[in-house]
Full PDB file with SEQRES, HELIX, SHEET, SSBOND, CRYST1, ORIGX, SCALE, CONECT and MASTER records, all heavy atoms in Angstrom:
SEQRES   1 A   38  MET VAL LEU PRO SER ARG PHE GLU PRO TRP ALA LEU VAL          
SEQRES   2 A   38  VAL ASN GLU ALA VAL ALA SER GLY LEU ALA VAL ILE SER          
SEQRES   3 A   38  SER ASP VAL VAL GLY ALA ALA PHE GLU LEU VAL ARG              
HELIX    1 AA1 LEU A   12  ALA A   19  1                                   8    
HELIX    2 AA2 ALA A   33  LEU A   36  1                                   4    
SHEET    1 AA1 2 VAL A   2  LEU A   3  0                                        
SHEET    2 AA1 2 ILE A  25  SER A  26  1                                        
CRYST1    1.000    1.000    1.000  90.00  90.00  90.00 P 1           1          
ORIGX1      1.000000  0.000000  0.000000        0.00000                         
ORIGX2      0.000000  1.000000  0.000000        0.00000                         
ORIGX3      0.000000  0.000000  1.000000        0.00000                         
SCALE1      1.000000  0.000000  0.000000        0.00000                         
SCALE2      0.000000  1.000000  0.000000        0.00000                         
SCALE3      0.000000  0.000000  1.000000        0.00000                         
ATOM      1  N   MET A   1      -6.963  -0.321   5.541  1.00  0.00           N  
ATOM      2  CA  MET A   1      -7.046  -0.383   4.083  1.00  0.00           C  
ATOM      3  C   MET A   1      -6.320  -1.635   3.615  1.00  0.00           C  
ATOM      4  O   MET A   1      -5.200  -1.914   4.047  1.00  0.00           O  
ATOM      5  CB  MET A   1      -6.412   0.847   3.431  1.00  0.00           C  
ATOM      6  CG  MET A   1      -6.712   0.989   1.927  1.00  0.00           C  
ATOM      7  SD  MET A   1      -5.684   0.003   0.829  1.00  0.00           S  
ATOM      8  CE  MET A   1      -4.158   0.921   0.835  1.00  0.00           C  
ATOM      9  N   VAL A   2      -6.973  -2.408   2.733  1.00  0.00           N  
ATOM     10  CA  VAL A   2      -6.374  -3.637   2.197  1.00  0.00           C  
ATOM     11  C   VAL A   2      -6.214  -3.491   0.691  1.00  0.00           C  
ATOM     12  O   VAL A   2      -7.152  -3.097  -0.011  1.00  0.00           O  
ATOM     13  CB  VAL A   2      -7.239  -4.873   2.523  1.00  0.00           C  
ATOM     14  CG1 VAL A   2      -6.655  -6.111   1.842  1.00  0.00           C  
ATOM     15  CG2 VAL A   2      -7.307  -5.092   4.025  1.00  0.00           C  
ATOM     16  N   LEU A   3      -5.011  -3.821   0.186  1.00  0.00           N  
ATOM     17  CA  LEU A   3      -4.743  -3.792  -1.250  1.00  0.00           C  
ATOM     18  C   LEU A   3      -4.106  -5.126  -1.653  1.00  0.00           C  
ATOM     19  O   LEU A   3      -2.907  -5.325  -1.491  1.00  0.00           O  
ATOM     20  CB  LEU A   3      -3.800  -2.636  -1.607  1.00  0.00           C  
ATOM     21  CG  LEU A   3      -3.533  -2.446  -3.102  1.00  0.00           C  
ATOM     22  CD1 LEU A   3      -4.818  -2.111  -3.850  1.00  0.00           C  
ATOM     23  CD2 LEU A   3      -2.495  -1.352  -3.334  1.00  0.00           C  
ATOM     24  N   PRO A   4      -4.908  -6.064  -2.180  1.00  0.00           N  
ATOM     25  CA  PRO A   4      -4.395  -7.406  -2.493  1.00  0.00           C  
ATOM     26  C   PRO A   4      -3.930  -7.574  -3.939  1.00  0.00           C  
ATOM     27  O   PRO A   4      -4.061  -8.649  -4.523  1.00  0.00           O  
ATOM     28  CB  PRO A   4      -5.603  -8.296  -2.193  1.00  0.00           C  
ATOM     29  CG  PRO A   4      -6.790  -7.420  -2.448  1.00  0.00           C  
ATOM     30  CD  PRO A   4      -6.366  -5.982  -2.309  1.00  0.00           C  
ATOM     31  N   SER A   5      -3.366  -6.528  -4.541  1.00  0.00           N  
ATOM     32  CA  SER A   5      -3.014  -6.554  -5.966  1.00  0.00           C  
ATOM     33  C   SER A   5      -2.029  -7.669  -6.304  1.00  0.00           C  
ATOM     34  O   SER A   5      -1.161  -8.018  -5.502  1.00  0.00           O  
ATOM     35  CB  SER A   5      -2.415  -5.211  -6.381  1.00  0.00           C  
ATOM     36  OG  SER A   5      -3.340  -4.174  -6.236  1.00  0.00           O  
ATOM     37  N   ARG A   6      -2.150  -8.160  -7.530  1.00  0.00           N  
ATOM     38  CA  ARG A   6      -1.200  -9.147  -8.047  1.00  0.00           C  
ATOM     39  C   ARG A   6      -0.047  -8.481  -8.792  1.00  0.00           C  
ATOM     40  O   ARG A   6       0.980  -9.114  -9.061  1.00  0.00           O  
ATOM     41  CB  ARG A   6      -1.912 -10.117  -8.980  1.00  0.00           C  
ATOM     42  CG  ARG A   6      -2.882 -11.048  -8.264  1.00  0.00           C  
ATOM     43  CD  ARG A   6      -3.478 -12.061  -9.219  1.00  0.00           C  
ATOM     44  NE  ARG A   6      -4.189 -13.098  -8.491  1.00  0.00           N  
ATOM     45  CZ  ARG A   6      -5.450 -13.015  -8.095  1.00  0.00           C  
ATOM     46  NH1 ARG A   6      -6.139 -11.917  -8.371  1.00  0.00           N  
ATOM     47  NH2 ARG A   6      -6.030 -14.004  -7.434  1.00  0.00           N  
ATOM     48  N   PHE A   7      -0.220  -7.226  -9.151  1.00  0.00           N  
ATOM     49  CA  PHE A   7       0.850  -6.450  -9.793  1.00  0.00           C  
ATOM     50  C   PHE A   7       0.541  -4.980  -9.584  1.00  0.00           C  
ATOM     51  O   PHE A   7      -0.567  -4.530  -9.856  1.00  0.00           O  
ATOM     52  CB  PHE A   7       0.930  -6.755 -11.293  1.00  0.00           C  
ATOM     53  CG  PHE A   7       1.915  -5.875 -12.025  1.00  0.00           C  
ATOM     54  CD1 PHE A   7       3.276  -6.081 -11.885  1.00  0.00           C  
ATOM     55  CD2 PHE A   7       1.475  -4.844 -12.833  1.00  0.00           C  
ATOM     56  CE1 PHE A   7       4.189  -5.264 -12.555  1.00  0.00           C  
ATOM     57  CE2 PHE A   7       2.371  -4.021 -13.507  1.00  0.00           C  
ATOM     58  CZ  PHE A   7       3.739  -4.241 -13.366  1.00  0.00           C  
ATOM     59  N   GLU A   8       1.506  -4.222  -9.081  1.00  0.00           N  
ATOM     60  CA  GLU A   8       1.261  -2.809  -8.792  1.00  0.00           C  
ATOM     61  C   GLU A   8       2.610  -2.099  -8.649  1.00  0.00           C  
ATOM     62  O   GLU A   8       3.257  -2.162  -7.601  1.00  0.00           O  
ATOM     63  CB  GLU A   8       0.470  -2.677  -7.494  1.00  0.00           C  
ATOM     64  CG  GLU A   8      -0.236  -1.362  -7.331  1.00  0.00           C  
ATOM     65  CD  GLU A   8      -1.584  -1.316  -8.027  1.00  0.00           C  
ATOM     66  OE1 GLU A   8      -2.434  -2.168  -7.760  1.00  0.00           O  
ATOM     67  OE2 GLU A   8      -1.766  -0.397  -8.851  1.00  0.00           O  
ATOM     68  N   PRO A   9       3.075  -1.411  -9.710  1.00  0.00           N  
ATOM     69  CA  PRO A   9       4.377  -0.738  -9.611  1.00  0.00           C  
ATOM     70  C   PRO A   9       4.453   0.254  -8.457  1.00  0.00           C  
ATOM     71  O   PRO A   9       5.508   0.392  -7.829  1.00  0.00           O  
ATOM     72  CB  PRO A   9       4.490  -0.025 -10.961  1.00  0.00           C  
ATOM     73  CG  PRO A   9       3.629  -0.820 -11.880  1.00  0.00           C  
ATOM     74  CD  PRO A   9       2.479  -1.290 -11.043  1.00  0.00           C  
ATOM     75  N   TRP A  10       3.355   0.947  -8.171  1.00  0.00           N  
ATOM     76  CA  TRP A  10       3.364   1.839  -7.015  1.00  0.00           C  
ATOM     77  C   TRP A  10       2.090   1.677  -6.192  1.00  0.00           C  
ATOM     78  O   TRP A  10       2.070   1.003  -5.195  1.00  0.00           O  
ATOM     79  CB  TRP A  10       3.554   3.310  -7.419  1.00  0.00           C  
ATOM     80  CG  TRP A  10       3.656   4.180  -6.192  1.00  0.00           C  
ATOM     81  CD1 TRP A  10       2.712   5.034  -5.701  1.00  0.00           C  
ATOM     82  CD2 TRP A  10       4.740   4.215  -5.268  1.00  0.00           C  
ATOM     83  NE1 TRP A  10       3.134   5.603  -4.531  1.00  0.00           N  
ATOM     84  CE2 TRP A  10       4.384   5.123  -4.236  1.00  0.00           C  
ATOM     85  CE3 TRP A  10       5.972   3.574  -5.193  1.00  0.00           C  
ATOM     86  CZ2 TRP A  10       5.220   5.396  -3.160  1.00  0.00           C  
ATOM     87  CZ3 TRP A  10       6.810   3.850  -4.121  1.00  0.00           C  
ATOM     88  CH2 TRP A  10       6.431   4.752  -3.124  1.00  0.00           C  
ATOM     89  N   ALA A  11       0.994   2.312  -6.535  1.00  0.00           N  
ATOM     90  CA  ALA A  11      -0.301   2.319  -5.834  1.00  0.00           C  
ATOM     91  C   ALA A  11      -0.421   3.531  -4.919  1.00  0.00           C  
ATOM     92  O   ALA A  11      -0.043   3.507  -3.749  1.00  0.00           O  
ATOM     93  CB  ALA A  11      -0.540   1.038  -5.041  1.00  0.00           C  
ATOM     94  N   LEU A  12      -0.968   4.603  -5.468  1.00  0.00           N  
ATOM     95  CA  LEU A  12      -1.130   5.854  -4.735  1.00  0.00           C  
ATOM     96  C   LEU A  12      -2.093   5.711  -3.562  1.00  0.00           C  
ATOM     97  O   LEU A  12      -2.033   6.496  -2.606  1.00  0.00           O  
ATOM     98  CB  LEU A  12      -1.613   6.944  -5.690  1.00  0.00           C  
ATOM     99  CG  LEU A  12      -1.503   8.392  -5.220  1.00  0.00           C  
ATOM    100  CD1 LEU A  12      -0.063   8.748  -4.877  1.00  0.00           C  
ATOM    101  CD2 LEU A  12      -2.038   9.337  -6.292  1.00  0.00           C  
ATOM    102  N   VAL A  13      -2.980   4.721  -3.613  1.00  0.00           N  
ATOM    103  CA  VAL A  13      -3.922   4.544  -2.507  1.00  0.00           C  
ATOM    104  C   VAL A  13      -3.198   4.235  -1.198  1.00  0.00           C  
ATOM    105  O   VAL A  13      -3.728   4.514  -0.118  1.00  0.00           O  
ATOM    106  CB  VAL A  13      -4.940   3.420  -2.804  1.00  0.00           C  
ATOM    107  CG1 VAL A  13      -5.890   3.825  -3.911  1.00  0.00           C  
ATOM    108  CG2 VAL A  13      -4.243   2.112  -3.124  1.00  0.00           C  
ATOM    109  N   VAL A  14      -1.996   3.674  -1.277  1.00  0.00           N  
ATOM    110  CA  VAL A  14      -1.222   3.424  -0.057  1.00  0.00           C  
ATOM    111  C   VAL A  14      -0.808   4.749   0.568  1.00  0.00           C  
ATOM    112  O   VAL A  14      -0.930   4.944   1.788  1.00  0.00           O  
ATOM    113  CB  VAL A  14       0.002   2.540  -0.354  1.00  0.00           C  
ATOM    114  CG1 VAL A  14       0.860   2.369   0.903  1.00  0.00           C  
ATOM    115  CG2 VAL A  14      -0.435   1.175  -0.876  1.00  0.00           C  
ATOM    116  N   ASN A  15      -0.325   5.693  -0.240  1.00  0.00           N  
ATOM    117  CA  ASN A  15      -0.006   7.041   0.276  1.00  0.00           C  
ATOM    118  C   ASN A  15      -1.229   7.648   0.953  1.00  0.00           C  
ATOM    119  O   ASN A  15      -1.131   8.200   2.053  1.00  0.00           O  
ATOM    120  CB  ASN A  15       0.430   7.965  -0.862  1.00  0.00           C  
ATOM    121  CG  ASN A  15       1.679   7.507  -1.578  1.00  0.00           C  
ATOM    122  OD1 ASN A  15       1.684   6.453  -2.199  1.00  0.00           O  
ATOM    123  ND2 ASN A  15       2.733   8.304  -1.514  1.00  0.00           N  
ATOM    124  N   GLU A  16      -2.377   7.551   0.281  1.00  0.00           N  
ATOM    125  CA  GLU A  16      -3.598   8.165   0.801  1.00  0.00           C  
ATOM    126  C   GLU A  16      -4.035   7.531   2.113  1.00  0.00           C  
ATOM    127  O   GLU A  16      -4.421   8.232   3.056  1.00  0.00           O  
ATOM    128  CB  GLU A  16      -4.703   8.050  -0.245  1.00  0.00           C  
ATOM    129  CG  GLU A  16      -4.390   8.784  -1.548  1.00  0.00           C  
ATOM    130  CD  GLU A  16      -5.344   8.434  -2.672  1.00  0.00           C  
ATOM    131  OE1 GLU A  16      -6.152   7.498  -2.504  1.00  0.00           O  
ATOM    132  OE2 GLU A  16      -5.280   9.087  -3.736  1.00  0.00           O  
ATOM    133  N   ALA A  17      -3.974   6.200   2.179  1.00  0.00           N  
ATOM    134  CA  ALA A  17      -4.413   5.494   3.387  1.00  0.00           C  
ATOM    135  C   ALA A  17      -3.493   5.800   4.563  1.00  0.00           C  
ATOM    136  O   ALA A  17      -3.949   6.012   5.693  1.00  0.00           O  
ATOM    137  CB  ALA A  17      -4.468   3.991   3.124  1.00  0.00           C  
ATOM    138  N   VAL A  18      -2.192   5.822   4.314  1.00  0.00           N  
ATOM    139  CA  VAL A  18      -1.228   6.129   5.384  1.00  0.00           C  
ATOM    140  C   VAL A  18      -1.435   7.562   5.875  1.00  0.00           C  
ATOM    141  O   VAL A  18      -1.416   7.830   7.084  1.00  0.00           O  
ATOM    142  CB  VAL A  18       0.212   5.904   4.883  1.00  0.00           C  
ATOM    143  CG1 VAL A  18       1.226   6.439   5.898  1.00  0.00           C  
ATOM    144  CG2 VAL A  18       0.461   4.422   4.637  1.00  0.00           C  
ATOM    145  N   ALA A  19      -1.649   8.495   4.940  1.00  0.00           N  
ATOM    146  CA  ALA A  19      -1.898   9.883   5.330  1.00  0.00           C  
ATOM    147  C   ALA A  19      -3.185  10.014   6.137  1.00  0.00           C  
ATOM    148  O   ALA A  19      -3.302  10.896   6.996  1.00  0.00           O  
ATOM    149  CB  ALA A  19      -1.976  10.772   4.094  1.00  0.00           C  
ATOM    150  N   SER A  20      -4.149   9.125   5.884  1.00  0.00           N  
ATOM    151  CA  SER A  20      -5.427   9.148   6.602  1.00  0.00           C  
ATOM    152  C   SER A  20      -5.347   8.479   7.965  1.00  0.00           C  
ATOM    153  O   SER A  20      -6.346   8.450   8.696  1.00  0.00           O  
ATOM    154  CB  SER A  20      -6.511   8.466   5.760  1.00  0.00           C  
ATOM    155  OG  SER A  20      -6.654   9.112   4.508  1.00  0.00           O  
ATOM    156  N   GLY A  21      -4.188   7.916   8.296  1.00  0.00           N  
ATOM    157  CA  GLY A  21      -4.018   7.290   9.603  1.00  0.00           C  
ATOM    158  C   GLY A  21      -4.586   5.889   9.697  1.00  0.00           C  
ATOM    159  O   GLY A  21      -4.935   5.432  10.791  1.00  0.00           O  
ATOM    160  N   LEU A  22      -4.652   5.172   8.564  1.00  0.00           N  
ATOM    161  CA  LEU A  22      -5.155   3.806   8.572  1.00  0.00           C  
ATOM    162  C   LEU A  22      -4.010   2.816   8.739  1.00  0.00           C  
ATOM    163  O   LEU A  22      -2.870   3.096   8.344  1.00  0.00           O  
ATOM    164  CB  LEU A  22      -5.895   3.483   7.269  1.00  0.00           C  
ATOM    165  CG  LEU A  22      -7.387   3.835   7.202  1.00  0.00           C  
ATOM    166  CD1 LEU A  22      -7.610   5.325   7.340  1.00  0.00           C  
ATOM    167  CD2 LEU A  22      -7.980   3.319   5.887  1.00  0.00           C  
ATOM    168  N   ALA A  23      -4.313   1.670   9.309  1.00  0.00           N  
ATOM    169  CA  ALA A  23      -3.409   0.533   9.209  1.00  0.00           C  
ATOM    170  C   ALA A  23      -3.541  -0.017   7.793  1.00  0.00           C  
ATOM    171  O   ALA A  23      -4.637  -0.028   7.228  1.00  0.00           O  
ATOM    172  CB  ALA A  23      -3.765  -0.533  10.234  1.00  0.00           C  
ATOM    173  N   VAL A  24      -2.430  -0.453   7.199  1.00  0.00           N  
ATOM    174  CA  VAL A  24      -2.435  -0.867   5.794  1.00  0.00           C  
ATOM    175  C   VAL A  24      -1.954  -2.311   5.667  1.00  0.00           C  
ATOM    176  O   VAL A  24      -0.912  -2.678   6.209  1.00  0.00           O  
ATOM    177  CB  VAL A  24      -1.537   0.051   4.940  1.00  0.00           C  
ATOM    178  CG1 VAL A  24      -1.524  -0.419   3.487  1.00  0.00           C  
ATOM    179  CG2 VAL A  24      -2.018   1.497   5.020  1.00  0.00           C  
ATOM    180  N   ILE A  25      -2.745  -3.109   4.946  1.00  0.00           N  
ATOM    181  CA  ILE A  25      -2.364  -4.477   4.604  1.00  0.00           C  
ATOM    182  C   ILE A  25      -2.240  -4.535   3.087  1.00  0.00           C  
ATOM    183  O   ILE A  25      -3.191  -4.231   2.368  1.00  0.00           O  
ATOM    184  CB  ILE A  25      -3.407  -5.500   5.081  1.00  0.00           C  
ATOM    185  CG1 ILE A  25      -3.559  -5.430   6.606  1.00  0.00           C  
ATOM    186  CG2 ILE A  25      -3.012  -6.905   4.652  1.00  0.00           C  
ATOM    187  CD1 ILE A  25      -4.671  -6.329   7.136  1.00  0.00           C  
ATOM    188  N   SER A  26      -1.066  -4.909   2.606  1.00  0.00           N  
ATOM    189  CA  SER A  26      -0.819  -4.900   1.163  1.00  0.00           C  
ATOM    190  C   SER A  26      -0.114  -6.180   0.742  1.00  0.00           C  
ATOM    191  O   SER A  26       0.637  -6.772   1.521  1.00  0.00           O  
ATOM    192  CB  SER A  26       0.044  -3.685   0.790  1.00  0.00           C  
ATOM    193  OG  SER A  26       0.503  -3.775  -0.541  1.00  0.00           O  
ATOM    194  N   SER A  27      -0.342  -6.573  -0.512  1.00  0.00           N  
ATOM    195  CA  SER A  27       0.413  -7.704  -1.049  1.00  0.00           C  
ATOM    196  C   SER A  27       1.864  -7.285  -1.244  1.00  0.00           C  
ATOM    197  O   SER A  27       2.185  -6.093  -1.303  1.00  0.00           O  
ATOM    198  CB  SER A  27      -0.188  -8.169  -2.375  1.00  0.00           C  
ATOM    199  OG  SER A  27      -0.009  -7.193  -3.380  1.00  0.00           O  
ATOM    200  N   ASP A  28       2.734  -8.274  -1.361  1.00  0.00           N  
ATOM    201  CA  ASP A  28       4.168  -7.988  -1.420  1.00  0.00           C  
ATOM    202  C   ASP A  28       4.672  -7.670  -2.822  1.00  0.00           C  
ATOM    203  O   ASP A  28       5.888  -7.673  -3.055  1.00  0.00           O  
ATOM    204  CB  ASP A  28       4.967  -9.149  -0.823  1.00  0.00           C  
ATOM    205  CG  ASP A  28       4.719 -10.464  -1.553  1.00  0.00           C  
ATOM    206  OD1 ASP A  28       3.956 -10.468  -2.544  1.00  0.00           O  
ATOM    207  OD2 ASP A  28       5.292 -11.487  -1.138  1.00  0.00           O  
ATOM    208  N   VAL A  29       3.769  -7.368  -3.767  1.00  0.00           N  
ATOM    209  CA  VAL A  29       4.202  -6.936  -5.097  1.00  0.00           C  
ATOM    210  C   VAL A  29       3.848  -5.467  -5.338  1.00  0.00           C  
ATOM    211  O   VAL A  29       4.037  -4.962  -6.443  1.00  0.00           O  
ATOM    212  CB  VAL A  29       3.576  -7.810  -6.205  1.00  0.00           C  
ATOM    213  CG1 VAL A  29       4.022  -9.253  -6.075  1.00  0.00           C  
ATOM    214  CG2 VAL A  29       2.052  -7.719  -6.187  1.00  0.00           C  
ATOM    215  N   VAL A  30       3.352  -4.792  -4.321  1.00  0.00           N  
ATOM    216  CA  VAL A  30       2.981  -3.376  -4.437  1.00  0.00           C  
ATOM    217  C   VAL A  30       4.198  -2.519  -4.114  1.00  0.00           C  
ATOM    218  O   VAL A  30       4.762  -2.609  -3.021  1.00  0.00           O  
ATOM    219  CB  VAL A  30       1.816  -3.037  -3.487  1.00  0.00           C  
ATOM    220  CG1 VAL A  30       1.520  -1.536  -3.507  1.00  0.00           C  
ATOM    221  CG2 VAL A  30       0.573  -3.826  -3.874  1.00  0.00           C  
ATOM    222  N   GLY A  31       4.602  -1.678  -5.073  1.00  0.00           N  
ATOM    223  CA  GLY A  31       5.805  -0.875  -4.875  1.00  0.00           C  
ATOM    224  C   GLY A  31       5.733   0.019  -3.656  1.00  0.00           C  
ATOM    225  O   GLY A  31       6.690   0.116  -2.881  1.00  0.00           O  
ATOM    226  N   ALA A  32       4.591   0.678  -3.453  1.00  0.00           N  
ATOM    227  CA  ALA A  32       4.446   1.602  -2.334  1.00  0.00           C  
ATOM    228  C   ALA A  32       4.545   0.900  -0.984  1.00  0.00           C  
ATOM    229  O   ALA A  32       4.960   1.503   0.012  1.00  0.00           O  
ATOM    230  CB  ALA A  32       3.115   2.342  -2.434  1.00  0.00           C  
ATOM    231  N   ALA A  33       4.182  -0.377  -0.941  1.00  0.00           N  
ATOM    232  CA  ALA A  33       4.201  -1.102   0.335  1.00  0.00           C  
ATOM    233  C   ALA A  33       5.612  -1.235   0.896  1.00  0.00           C  
ATOM    234  O   ALA A  33       5.802  -1.259   2.113  1.00  0.00           O  
ATOM    235  CB  ALA A  33       3.576  -2.485   0.155  1.00  0.00           C  
ATOM    236  N   PHE A  34       6.600  -1.318   0.017  1.00  0.00           N  
ATOM    237  CA  PHE A  34       7.980  -1.447   0.484  1.00  0.00           C  
ATOM    238  C   PHE A  34       8.505  -0.140   1.052  1.00  0.00           C  
ATOM    239  O   PHE A  34       9.495  -0.134   1.781  1.00  0.00           O  
ATOM    240  CB  PHE A  34       8.872  -1.934  -0.654  1.00  0.00           C  
ATOM    241  CG  PHE A  34       8.654  -3.375  -0.997  1.00  0.00           C  
ATOM    242  CD1 PHE A  34       7.703  -3.740  -1.931  1.00  0.00           C  
ATOM    243  CD2 PHE A  34       9.370  -4.373  -0.369  1.00  0.00           C  
ATOM    244  CE1 PHE A  34       7.474  -5.073  -2.242  1.00  0.00           C  
ATOM    245  CE2 PHE A  34       9.149  -5.707  -0.670  1.00  0.00           C  
ATOM    246  CZ  PHE A  34       8.204  -6.056  -1.609  1.00  0.00           C  
ATOM    247  N   GLU A  35       7.853   0.962   0.731  1.00  0.00           N  
ATOM    248  CA  GLU A  35       8.270   2.261   1.244  1.00  0.00           C  
ATOM    249  C   GLU A  35       7.411   2.699   2.431  1.00  0.00           C  
ATOM    250  O   GLU A  35       7.916   3.332   3.360  1.00  0.00           O  
ATOM    251  CB  GLU A  35       8.140   3.316   0.132  1.00  0.00           C  
ATOM    252  CG  GLU A  35       8.757   2.938  -1.188  1.00  0.00           C  
ATOM    253  CD  GLU A  35      10.219   3.321  -1.292  1.00  0.00           C  
ATOM    254  OE1 GLU A  35      10.723   3.982  -0.380  1.00  0.00           O  
ATOM    255  OE2 GLU A  35      10.845   2.948  -2.307  1.00  0.00           O  
ATOM    256  N   LEU A  36       6.119   2.358   2.393  1.00  0.00           N  
ATOM    257  CA  LEU A  36       5.173   2.965   3.326  1.00  0.00           C  
ATOM    258  C   LEU A  36       4.458   1.980   4.237  1.00  0.00           C  
ATOM    259  O   LEU A  36       3.601   2.396   5.021  1.00  0.00           O  
ATOM    260  CB  LEU A  36       4.133   3.775   2.534  1.00  0.00           C  
ATOM    261  CG  LEU A  36       4.674   5.019   1.829  1.00  0.00           C  
ATOM    262  CD1 LEU A  36       3.637   5.597   0.878  1.00  0.00           C  
ATOM    263  CD2 LEU A  36       5.097   6.067   2.848  1.00  0.00           C  
ATOM    264  N   VAL A  37       4.766   0.701   4.147  1.00  0.00           N  
ATOM    265  CA  VAL A  37       4.170  -0.283   5.054  1.00  0.00           C  
ATOM    266  C   VAL A  37       5.298  -1.016   5.774  1.00  0.00           C  
ATOM    267  O   VAL A  37       6.017  -1.809   5.159  1.00  0.00           O  
ATOM    268  CB  VAL A  37       3.272  -1.294   4.310  1.00  0.00           C  
ATOM    269  CG1 VAL A  37       2.674  -2.288   5.305  1.00  0.00           C  
ATOM    270  CG2 VAL A  37       2.160  -0.571   3.562  1.00  0.00           C  
ATOM    271  N   ARG A  38       5.447  -0.744   7.054  1.00  0.00           N  
ATOM    272  CA  ARG A  38       6.456  -1.426   7.865  1.00  0.00           C  
ATOM    273  C   ARG A  38       5.755  -2.510   8.675  1.00  0.00           C  
ATOM    274  O   ARG A  38       4.916  -2.195   9.538  1.00  0.00           O  
ATOM    275  CB  ARG A  38       7.155  -0.449   8.808  1.00  0.00           C  
ATOM    276  CG  ARG A  38       7.997   0.601   8.112  1.00  0.00           C  
ATOM    277  CD  ARG A  38       8.693   1.471   9.139  1.00  0.00           C  
ATOM    278  NE  ARG A  38       9.232   2.681   8.548  1.00  0.00           N  
ATOM    279  CZ  ARG A  38       9.658   3.731   9.257  1.00  0.00           C  
ATOM    280  NH1 ARG A  38       9.598   3.692  10.587  1.00  0.00           N  
ATOM    281  NH2 ARG A  38      10.140   4.797   8.646  1.00  0.00           N  
TER     282      ARG A  38                                                      
MASTER        0    0    0    2    2    0    0    6  281    1    0    3          
END                                                                             
């Protein structure tokens, strides 16, 4: 799952993608990425 947002305080799709067992690529302004993308 790729989320290239320019602004995103959280982004629930990151929770959903991680729960689905996907690898996640996110921009560094997505709040959820700092919690759920290592």
